[in-house]
Amino acid sequence: QTYLDLALRSRSIDTIIISGGSTEVGVASTIYAARDLDYNLIIVRDACGSGHSDEVHNMFMDNVFPRMGRVRTTSEVLKMIQESRKL
């Protein structure tokens, strides 16, 4: 129900790469919303962070987010993008 969703769908974009601060708040809420809208998700583990602790960050990355998308490092995501351009 946002312009962003409309803009992505009108361009046939179905996968979102997510990074950002506040893993347990901002990143998590974005992931939940994107999942509810049926987007494929790639969460960039080392490009997110928590203001609380590494323990909180790791809990989300290891236990919650893999149920909703692919959790990858920045180098893995860059490699995926480079390989997709070869197709």
PDB file of N, CA and C in Angstrom:
ATOM      1  N   GLN A   1       0.794  -1.183   0.000  1.00  0.00           N
ATOM      2  CA  GLN A   1       0.000   0.000   0.000  1.00  0.00           C
ATOM      3  C   GLN A   1       0.854   1.272   0.000  1.00  0.00           C
ATOM      4  N   THR A   2       2.081   1.155  -0.501  1.00  0.00           N
ATOM      5  CA  THR A   2       2.938   2.337  -0.568  1.00  0.00           C
ATOM      6  C   THR A   2       3.378   2.562  -2.010  1.00  0.00           C
ATOM      7  N   TYR A   3       3.903   3.744  -2.266  1.00  0.00           N
ATOM      8  CA  TYR A   3       4.421   4.020  -3.590  1.00  0.00           C
ATOM      9  C   TYR A   3       5.615   3.132  -3.899  1.00  0.00           C
ATOM     10  N   LEU A   4       6.436   2.824  -2.896  1.00  0.00           N
ATOM     11  CA  LEU A   4       7.603   1.974  -3.126  1.00  0.00           C
ATOM     12  C   LEU A   4       7.174   0.610  -3.660  1.00  0.00           C
ATOM     13  N   ASP A   5       6.174   0.015  -3.056  1.00  0.00           N
ATOM     14  CA  ASP A   5       5.673  -1.276  -3.526  1.00  0.00           C
ATOM     15  C   ASP A   5       5.202  -1.170  -4.974  1.00  0.00           C
ATOM     16  N   LEU A   6       4.452  -0.152  -5.297  1.00  0.00           N
ATOM     17  CA  LEU A   6       3.969   0.058  -6.660  1.00  0.00           C
ATOM     18  C   LEU A   6       5.130   0.259  -7.630  1.00  0.00           C
ATOM     19  N   ALA A   7       6.112   1.056  -7.238  1.00  0.00           N
ATOM     20  CA  ALA A   7       7.266   1.328  -8.104  1.00  0.00           C
ATOM     21  C   ALA A   7       8.062   0.054  -8.364  1.00  0.00           C
ATOM     22  N   LEU A   8       8.262  -0.753  -7.352  1.00  0.00           N
ATOM     23  CA  LEU A   8       9.003  -2.008  -7.533  1.00  0.00           C
ATOM     24  C   LEU A   8       8.234  -2.973  -8.427  1.00  0.00           C
ATOM     25  N   ARG A   9       6.969  -3.142  -8.161  1.00  0.00           N
ATOM     26  CA  ARG A   9       6.166  -4.089  -8.947  1.00  0.00           C
ATOM     27  C   ARG A   9       6.026  -3.648 -10.404  1.00  0.00           C
ATOM     28  N   SER A  10       5.915  -2.357 -10.640  1.00  0.00           N
ATOM     29  CA  SER A  10       5.784  -1.886 -12.023  1.00  0.00           C
ATOM     30  C   SER A  10       7.070  -2.113 -12.817  1.00  0.00           C
ATOM     31  N   ARG A  11       8.179  -2.312 -12.135  1.00  0.00           N
ATOM     32  CA  ARG A  11       9.467  -2.603 -12.784  1.00  0.00           C
ATOM     33  C   ARG A  11       9.812  -4.090 -12.719  1.00  0.00           C
ATOM     34  N   SER A  12       8.849  -4.899 -12.298  1.00  0.00           N
ATOM     35  CA  SER A  12       9.002  -6.352 -12.160  1.00  0.00           C
ATOM     36  C   SER A  12      10.128  -6.737 -11.203  1.00  0.00           C
ATOM     37  N   ILE A  13      10.343  -5.929 -10.177  1.00  0.00           N
ATOM     38  CA  ILE A  13      11.339  -6.243  -9.155  1.00  0.00           C
ATOM     39  C   ILE A  13      10.668  -7.103  -8.096  1.00  0.00           C
ATOM     40  N   ASP A  14      11.230  -8.287  -7.854  1.00  0.00           N
ATOM     41  CA  ASP A  14      10.639  -9.197  -6.877  1.00  0.00           C
ATOM     42  C   ASP A  14      11.595  -9.562  -5.748  1.00  0.00           C
ATOM     43  N   THR A  15      12.810  -9.039  -5.795  1.00  0.00           N
ATOM     44  CA  THR A  15      13.815  -9.337  -4.782  1.00  0.00           C
ATOM     45  C   THR A  15      14.367  -8.036  -4.211  1.00  0.00           C
ATOM     46  N   ILE A  16      14.456  -7.979  -2.887  1.00  0.00           N
ATOM     47  CA  ILE A  16      14.959  -6.791  -2.213  1.00  0.00           C
ATOM     48  C   ILE A  16      16.175  -7.181  -1.376  1.00  0.00           C
ATOM     49  N   ILE A  17      17.232  -6.401  -1.491  1.00  0.00           N
ATOM     50  CA  ILE A  17      18.422  -6.566  -0.668  1.00  0.00           C
ATOM     51  C   ILE A  17      18.305  -5.585   0.481  1.00  0.00           C
ATOM     52  N   ILE A  18      18.377  -6.093   1.704  1.00  0.00           N
ATOM     53  CA  ILE A  18      18.129  -5.269   2.876  1.00  0.00           C
ATOM     54  C   ILE A  18      19.368  -5.162   3.759  1.00  0.00           C
ATOM     55  N   SER A  19      19.667  -3.927   4.168  1.00  0.00           N
ATOM     56  CA  SER A  19      20.712  -3.657   5.156  1.00  0.00           C
ATOM     57  C   SER A  19      20.269  -2.447   5.956  1.00  0.00           C
ATOM     58  N   GLY A  20      20.927  -2.201   7.070  1.00  0.00           N
ATOM     59  CA  GLY A  20      20.577  -1.016   7.836  1.00  0.00           C
ATOM     60  C   GLY A  20      20.882  -1.160   9.307  1.00  0.00           C
ATOM     61  N   GLY A  21      20.591  -0.103  10.017  1.00  0.00           N
ATOM     62  CA  GLY A  21      20.822  -0.078  11.453  1.00  0.00           C
ATOM     63  C   GLY A  21      19.639  -0.638  12.212  1.00  0.00           C
ATOM     64  N   SER A  22      19.853  -0.902  13.451  1.00  0.00           N
ATOM     65  CA  SER A  22      18.822  -1.392  14.356  1.00  0.00           C
ATOM     66  C   SER A  22      18.192  -2.683  13.838  1.00  0.00           C
ATOM     67  N   THR A  23      18.984  -3.732  13.829  1.00  0.00           N
ATOM     68  CA  THR A  23      18.557  -5.033  13.329  1.00  0.00           C
ATOM     69  C   THR A  23      17.191  -5.439  13.878  1.00  0.00           C
ATOM     70  N   GLU A  24      17.014  -5.270  15.175  1.00  0.00           N
ATOM     71  CA  GLU A  24      15.803  -5.766  15.832  1.00  0.00           C
ATOM     72  C   GLU A  24      14.593  -4.854  15.684  1.00  0.00           C
ATOM     73  N   VAL A  25      14.777  -3.656  15.128  1.00  0.00           N
ATOM     74  CA  VAL A  25      13.640  -2.741  14.961  1.00  0.00           C
ATOM     75  C   VAL A  25      13.456  -2.396  13.485  1.00  0.00           C
ATOM     76  N   GLY A  26      14.278  -1.524  12.958  1.00  0.00           N
ATOM     77  CA  GLY A  26      14.112  -1.052  11.587  1.00  0.00           C
ATOM     78  C   GLY A  26      14.275  -2.136  10.543  1.00  0.00           C
ATOM     79  N   VAL A  27      15.338  -2.920  10.674  1.00  0.00           N
ATOM     80  CA  VAL A  27      15.584  -3.988   9.695  1.00  0.00           C
ATOM     81  C   VAL A  27      14.492  -5.049   9.805  1.00  0.00           C
ATOM     82  N   ALA A  28      14.191  -5.466  11.026  1.00  0.00           N
ATOM     83  CA  ALA A  28      13.177  -6.511  11.220  1.00  0.00           C
ATOM     84  C   ALA A  28      11.817  -6.078  10.691  1.00  0.00           C
ATOM     85  N   SER A  29      11.396  -4.857  10.980  1.00  0.00           N
ATOM     86  CA  SER A  29      10.077  -4.424  10.516  1.00  0.00           C
ATOM     87  C   SER A  29      10.018  -4.343   8.992  1.00  0.00           C
ATOM     88  N   THR A  30      11.118  -3.932   8.373  1.00  0.00           N
ATOM     89  CA  THR A  30      11.173  -3.893   6.904  1.00  0.00           C
ATOM     90  C   THR A  30      11.067  -5.303   6.329  1.00  0.00           C
ATOM     91  N   ILE A  31      11.772  -6.236   6.946  1.00  0.00           N
ATOM     92  CA  ILE A  31      11.742  -7.630   6.479  1.00  0.00           C
ATOM     93  C   ILE A  31      10.346  -8.224   6.645  1.00  0.00           C
ATOM     94  N   TYR A  32       9.714  -7.988   7.788  1.00  0.00           N
ATOM     95  CA  TYR A  32       8.360  -8.512   7.999  1.00  0.00           C
ATOM     96  C   TYR A  32       7.391  -7.961   6.953  1.00  0.00           C
ATOM     97  N   ALA A  33       7.468  -6.661   6.694  1.00  0.00           N
ATOM     98  CA  ALA A  33       6.565  -6.036   5.725  1.00  0.00           C
ATOM     99  C   ALA A  33       6.828  -6.564   4.314  1.00  0.00           C
ATOM    100  N   ALA A  34       8.087  -6.669   3.936  1.00  0.00           N
ATOM    101  CA  ALA A  34       8.432  -7.163   2.595  1.00  0.00           C
ATOM    102  C   ALA A  34       8.013  -8.619   2.419  1.00  0.00           C
ATOM    103  N   ARG A  35       8.206  -9.409   3.456  1.00  0.00           N
ATOM    104  CA  ARG A  35       7.771 -10.808   3.395  1.00  0.00           C
ATOM    105  C   ARG A  35       6.265 -10.890   3.225  1.00  0.00           C
ATOM    106  N   ASP A  36       5.529 -10.050   3.955  1.00  0.00           N
ATOM    107  CA  ASP A  36       4.067 -10.045   3.852  1.00  0.00           C
ATOM    108  C   ASP A  36       3.593  -9.630   2.463  1.00  0.00           C
ATOM    109  N   LEU A  37       4.432  -8.896   1.730  1.00  0.00           N
ATOM    110  CA  LEU A  37       4.108  -8.480   0.363  1.00  0.00           C
ATOM    111  C   LEU A  37       4.681  -9.441  -0.681  1.00  0.00           C
ATOM    112  N   ASP A  38       5.204 -10.578  -0.221  1.00  0.00           N
ATOM    113  CA  ASP A  38       5.709 -11.656  -1.089  1.00  0.00           C
ATOM    114  C   ASP A  38       6.964 -11.302  -1.878  1.00  0.00           C
ATOM    115  N   TYR A  39       7.826 -10.468  -1.315  1.00  0.00           N
ATOM    116  CA  TYR A  39       9.116 -10.213  -1.963  1.00  0.00           C
ATOM    117  C   TYR A  39      10.109 -11.275  -1.538  1.00  0.00           C
ATOM    118  N   ASN A  40      11.043 -11.588  -2.433  1.00  0.00           N
ATOM    119  CA  ASN A  40      12.191 -12.411  -2.082  1.00  0.00           C
ATOM    120  C   ASN A  40      13.168 -11.496  -1.358  1.00  0.00           C
ATOM    121  N   LEU A  41      13.780 -11.990  -0.291  1.00  0.00           N
ATOM    122  CA  LEU A  41      14.626 -11.134   0.528  1.00  0.00           C
ATOM    123  C   LEU A  41      16.046 -11.658   0.627  1.00  0.00           C
ATOM    124  N   ILE A  42      16.980 -10.729   0.540  1.00  0.00           N
ATOM    125  CA  ILE A  42      18.376 -11.011   0.828  1.00  0.00           C
ATOM    126  C   ILE A  42      18.774 -10.031   1.931  1.00  0.00           C
ATOM    127  N   ILE A  43      19.146 -10.578   3.082  1.00  0.00           N
ATOM    128  CA  ILE A  43      19.527  -9.750   4.216  1.00  0.00           C
ATOM    129  C   ILE A  43      21.051  -9.769   4.305  1.00  0.00           C
ATOM    130  N   VAL A  44      21.659  -8.589   4.305  1.00  0.00           N
ATOM    131  CA  VAL A  44      23.122  -8.485   4.305  1.00  0.00           C
ATOM    132  C   VAL A  44      23.594  -8.419   5.756  1.00  0.00           C
ATOM    133  N   ARG A  45      24.056  -9.554   6.233  1.00  0.00           N
ATOM    134  CA  ARG A  45      24.397  -9.742   7.649  1.00  0.00           C
ATOM    135  C   ARG A  45      25.386  -8.699   8.172  1.00  0.00           C
ATOM    136  N   ASP A  46      26.478  -8.482   7.460  1.00  0.00           N
ATOM    137  CA  ASP A  46      27.517  -7.583   7.958  1.00  0.00           C
ATOM    138  C   ASP A  46      27.265  -6.124   7.583  1.00  0.00           C
ATOM    139  N   ALA A  47      26.109  -5.836   7.008  1.00  0.00           N
ATOM    140  CA  ALA A  47      25.727  -4.457   6.705  1.00  0.00           C
ATOM    141  C   ALA A  47      24.524  -4.034   7.553  1.00  0.00           C
ATOM    142  N   CYS A  48      24.281  -4.783   8.618  1.00  0.00           N
ATOM    143  CA  CYS A  48      23.244  -4.462   9.589  1.00  0.00           C
ATOM    144  C   CYS A  48      23.902  -4.415  10.965  1.00  0.00           C
ATOM    145  N   GLY A  49      23.254  -3.752  11.881  1.00  0.00           N
ATOM    146  CA  GLY A  49      23.813  -3.687  13.224  1.00  0.00           C
ATOM    147  C   GLY A  49      22.752  -3.411  14.261  1.00  0.00           C
ATOM    148  N   SER A  50      23.062  -3.780  15.494  1.00  0.00           N
ATOM    149  CA  SER A  50      22.145  -3.561  16.603  1.00  0.00           C
ATOM    150  C   SER A  50      22.766  -2.591  17.598  1.00  0.00           C
ATOM    151  N   GLY A  51      21.948  -1.702  18.123  1.00  0.00           N
ATOM    152  CA  GLY A  51      22.410  -0.794  19.155  1.00  0.00           C
ATOM    153  C   GLY A  51      22.492  -1.465  20.512  1.00  0.00           C
ATOM    154  N   HIS A  52      21.950  -2.663  20.618  1.00  0.00           N
ATOM    155  CA  HIS A  52      21.939  -3.363  21.900  1.00  0.00           C
ATOM    156  C   HIS A  52      23.175  -4.229  22.087  1.00  0.00           C
ATOM    157  N   SER A  53      23.327  -5.235  21.263  1.00  0.00           N
ATOM    158  CA  SER A  53      24.473  -6.133  21.416  1.00  0.00           C
ATOM    159  C   SER A  53      24.612  -7.018  20.186  1.00  0.00           C
ATOM    160  N   ASP A  54      25.768  -7.594  20.052  1.00  0.00           N
ATOM    161  CA  ASP A  54      25.982  -8.558  18.973  1.00  0.00           C
ATOM    162  C   ASP A  54      25.103  -9.779  19.172  1.00  0.00           C
ATOM    163  N   GLU A  55      24.789 -10.090  20.407  1.00  0.00           N
ATOM    164  CA  GLU A  55      23.949 -11.243  20.707  1.00  0.00           C
ATOM    165  C   GLU A  55      22.554 -11.090  20.099  1.00  0.00           C
ATOM    166  N   VAL A  56      21.978  -9.909  20.233  1.00  0.00           N
ATOM    167  CA  VAL A  56      20.655  -9.636  19.662  1.00  0.00           C
ATOM    168  C   VAL A  56      20.733  -9.718  18.143  1.00  0.00           C
ATOM    169  N   HIS A  57      21.724  -9.064  17.562  1.00  0.00           N
ATOM    170  CA  HIS A  57      21.930  -9.076  16.112  1.00  0.00           C
ATOM    171  C   HIS A  57      22.056 -10.513  15.598  1.00  0.00           C
ATOM    172  N   ASN A  58      22.922 -11.298  16.253  1.00  0.00           N
ATOM    173  CA  ASN A  58      23.155 -12.672  15.811  1.00  0.00           C
ATOM    174  C   ASN A  58      21.918 -13.547  15.961  1.00  0.00           C
ATOM    175  N   MET A  59      21.115 -13.307  16.997  1.00  0.00           N
ATOM    176  CA  MET A  59      19.892 -14.086  17.182  1.00  0.00           C
ATOM    177  C   MET A  59      18.951 -13.883  15.999  1.00  0.00           C
ATOM    178  N   PHE A  60      18.781 -12.631  15.569  1.00  0.00           N
ATOM    179  CA  PHE A  60      17.940 -12.366  14.410  1.00  0.00           C
ATOM    180  C   PHE A  60      18.529 -12.976  13.149  1.00  0.00           C
ATOM    181  N   MET A  61      19.814 -12.801  12.931  1.00  0.00           N
ATOM    182  CA  MET A  61      20.467 -13.292  11.718  1.00  0.00           C
ATOM    183  C   MET A  61      20.511 -14.816  11.650  1.00  0.00           C
ATOM    184  N   ASP A  62      20.649 -15.462  12.798  1.00  0.00           N
ATOM    185  CA  ASP A  62      20.785 -16.924  12.822  1.00  0.00           C
ATOM    186  C   ASP A  62      19.455 -17.655  12.949  1.00  0.00           C
ATOM    187  N   ASN A  63      18.478 -17.040  13.622  1.00  0.00           N
ATOM    188  CA  ASN A  63      17.245 -17.767  13.943  1.00  0.00           C
ATOM    189  C   ASN A  63      15.973 -17.225  13.310  1.00  0.00           C
ATOM    190  N   VAL A  64      15.876 -15.917  13.129  1.00  0.00           N
ATOM    191  CA  VAL A  64      14.625 -15.322  12.647  1.00  0.00           C
ATOM    192  C   VAL A  64      14.666 -15.087  11.141  1.00  0.00           C
ATOM    193  N   PHE A  65      15.643 -14.331  10.688  1.00  0.00           N
ATOM    194  CA  PHE A  65      15.677 -13.922   9.281  1.00  0.00           C
ATOM    195  C   PHE A  65      15.829 -15.075   8.288  1.00  0.00           C
ATOM    196  N   PRO A  66      16.556 -16.161   8.594  1.00  0.00           N
ATOM    197  CA  PRO A  66      16.639 -17.257   7.616  1.00  0.00           C
ATOM    198  C   PRO A  66      15.286 -17.893   7.294  1.00  0.00           C
ATOM    199  N   ARG A  67      14.303 -17.683   8.129  1.00  0.00           N
ATOM    200  CA  ARG A  67      12.960 -18.206   7.859  1.00  0.00           C
ATOM    201  C   ARG A  67      12.207 -17.360   6.848  1.00  0.00           C
ATOM    202  N   MET A  68      12.735 -16.162   6.576  1.00  0.00           N
ATOM    203  CA  MET A  68      12.041 -15.230   5.692  1.00  0.00           C
ATOM    204  C   MET A  68      12.831 -14.884   4.437  1.00  0.00           C
ATOM    205  N   GLY A  69      14.117 -15.154   4.443  1.00  0.00           N
ATOM    206  CA  GLY A  69      14.942 -14.795   3.289  1.00  0.00           C
ATOM    207  C   GLY A  69      16.326 -15.414   3.398  1.00  0.00           C
ATOM    208  N   ARG A  70      17.179 -14.996   2.500  1.00  0.00           N
ATOM    209  CA  ARG A  70      18.562 -15.492   2.485  1.00  0.00           C
ATOM    210  C   ARG A  70      19.445 -14.499   3.231  1.00  0.00           C
ATOM    211  N   VAL A  71      20.145 -14.961   4.240  1.00  0.00           N
ATOM    212  CA  VAL A  71      21.081 -14.123   4.988  1.00  0.00           C
ATOM    213  C   VAL A  71      22.461 -14.357   4.393  1.00  0.00           C
ATOM    214  N   ARG A  72      23.076 -13.289   3.892  1.00  0.00           N
ATOM    215  CA  ARG A  72      24.372 -13.389   3.223  1.00  0.00           C
ATOM    216  C   ARG A  72      25.282 -12.256   3.673  1.00  0.00           C
ATOM    217  N   THR A  73      26.576 -12.405   3.450  1.00  0.00           N
ATOM    218  CA  THR A  73      27.531 -11.332   3.721  1.00  0.00           C
ATOM    219  C   THR A  73      27.580 -10.397   2.519  1.00  0.00           C
ATOM    220  N   THR A  74      28.202  -9.246   2.715  1.00  0.00           N
ATOM    221  CA  THR A  74      28.340  -8.287   1.616  1.00  0.00           C
ATOM    222  C   THR A  74      29.073  -8.908   0.448  1.00  0.00           C
ATOM    223  N   SER A  75      30.162  -9.614   0.709  1.00  0.00           N
ATOM    224  CA  SER A  75      30.923 -10.212  -0.392  1.00  0.00           C
ATOM    225  C   SER A  75      30.106 -11.268  -1.130  1.00  0.00           C
ATOM    226  N   GLU A  76      29.289 -12.022  -0.419  1.00  0.00           N
ATOM    227  CA  GLU A  76      28.426 -13.014  -1.078  1.00  0.00           C
ATOM    228  C   GLU A  76      27.374 -12.326  -1.954  1.00  0.00           C
ATOM    229  N   VAL A  77      26.817 -11.234  -1.475  1.00  0.00           N
ATOM    230  CA  VAL A  77      25.810 -10.505  -2.256  1.00  0.00           C
ATOM    231  C   VAL A  77      26.438  -9.908  -3.503  1.00  0.00           C
ATOM    232  N   LEU A  78      27.610  -9.297  -3.360  1.00  0.00           N
ATOM    233  CA  LEU A  78      28.290  -8.732  -4.529  1.00  0.00           C
ATOM    234  C   LEU A  78      28.607  -9.802  -5.559  1.00  0.00           C
ATOM    235  N   LYS A  79      29.021 -10.963  -5.098  1.00  0.00           N
ATOM    236  CA  LYS A  79      29.299 -12.074  -6.015  1.00  0.00           C
ATOM    237  C   LYS A  79      28.024 -12.516  -6.733  1.00  0.00           C
ATOM    238  N   MET A  80      26.907 -12.576  -6.008  1.00  0.00           N
ATOM    239  CA  MET A  80      25.625 -12.948  -6.608  1.00  0.00           C
ATOM    240  C   MET A  80      25.230 -11.942  -7.695  1.00  0.00           C
ATOM    241  N   ILE A  81      25.421 -10.661  -7.420  1.00  0.00           N
ATOM    242  CA  ILE A  81      25.067  -9.631  -8.383  1.00  0.00           C
ATOM    243  C   ILE A  81      25.950  -9.746  -9.617  1.00  0.00           C
ATOM    244  N   GLN A  82      27.240  -9.926  -9.418  1.00  0.00           N
ATOM    245  CA  GLN A  82      28.164 -10.053 -10.555  1.00  0.00           C
ATOM    246  C   GLN A  82      27.827 -11.260 -11.409  1.00  0.00           C
ATOM    247  N   GLU A  83      27.507 -12.377 -10.764  1.00  0.00           N
ATOM    248  CA  GLU A  83      27.161 -13.589 -11.522  1.00  0.00           C
ATOM    249  C   GLU A  83      25.847 -13.424 -12.280  1.00  0.00           C
ATOM    250  N   SER A  84      24.905 -12.692 -11.726  1.00  0.00           N
ATOM    251  CA  SER A  84      23.622 -12.499 -12.417  1.00  0.00           C
ATOM    252  C   SER A  84      23.774 -11.618 -13.645  1.00  0.00           C
ATOM    253  N   ARG A  85      24.748 -10.745 -13.633  1.00  0.00           N
ATOM    254  CA  ARG A  85      24.992  -9.888 -14.801  1.00  0.00           C
ATOM    255  C   ARG A  85      25.592 -10.656 -15.973  1.00  0.00           C
ATOM    256  N   LYS A  86      26.203 -11.793 -15.693  1.00  0.00           N
ATOM    257  CA  LYS A  86      26.798 -12.623 -16.746  1.00  0.00           C
ATOM    258  C   LYS A  86      25.748 -13.390 -17.529  1.00  0.00           C
ATOM    259  N   LEU A  87      24.561 -13.523 -16.939  1.00  0.00           N
ATOM    260  CA  LEU A  87      23.499 -14.302 -17.596  1.00  0.00           C
ATOM    261  C   LEU A  87      22.950 -13.603 -18.747  1.00  0.00           C
TER     262      LEU A  87
END
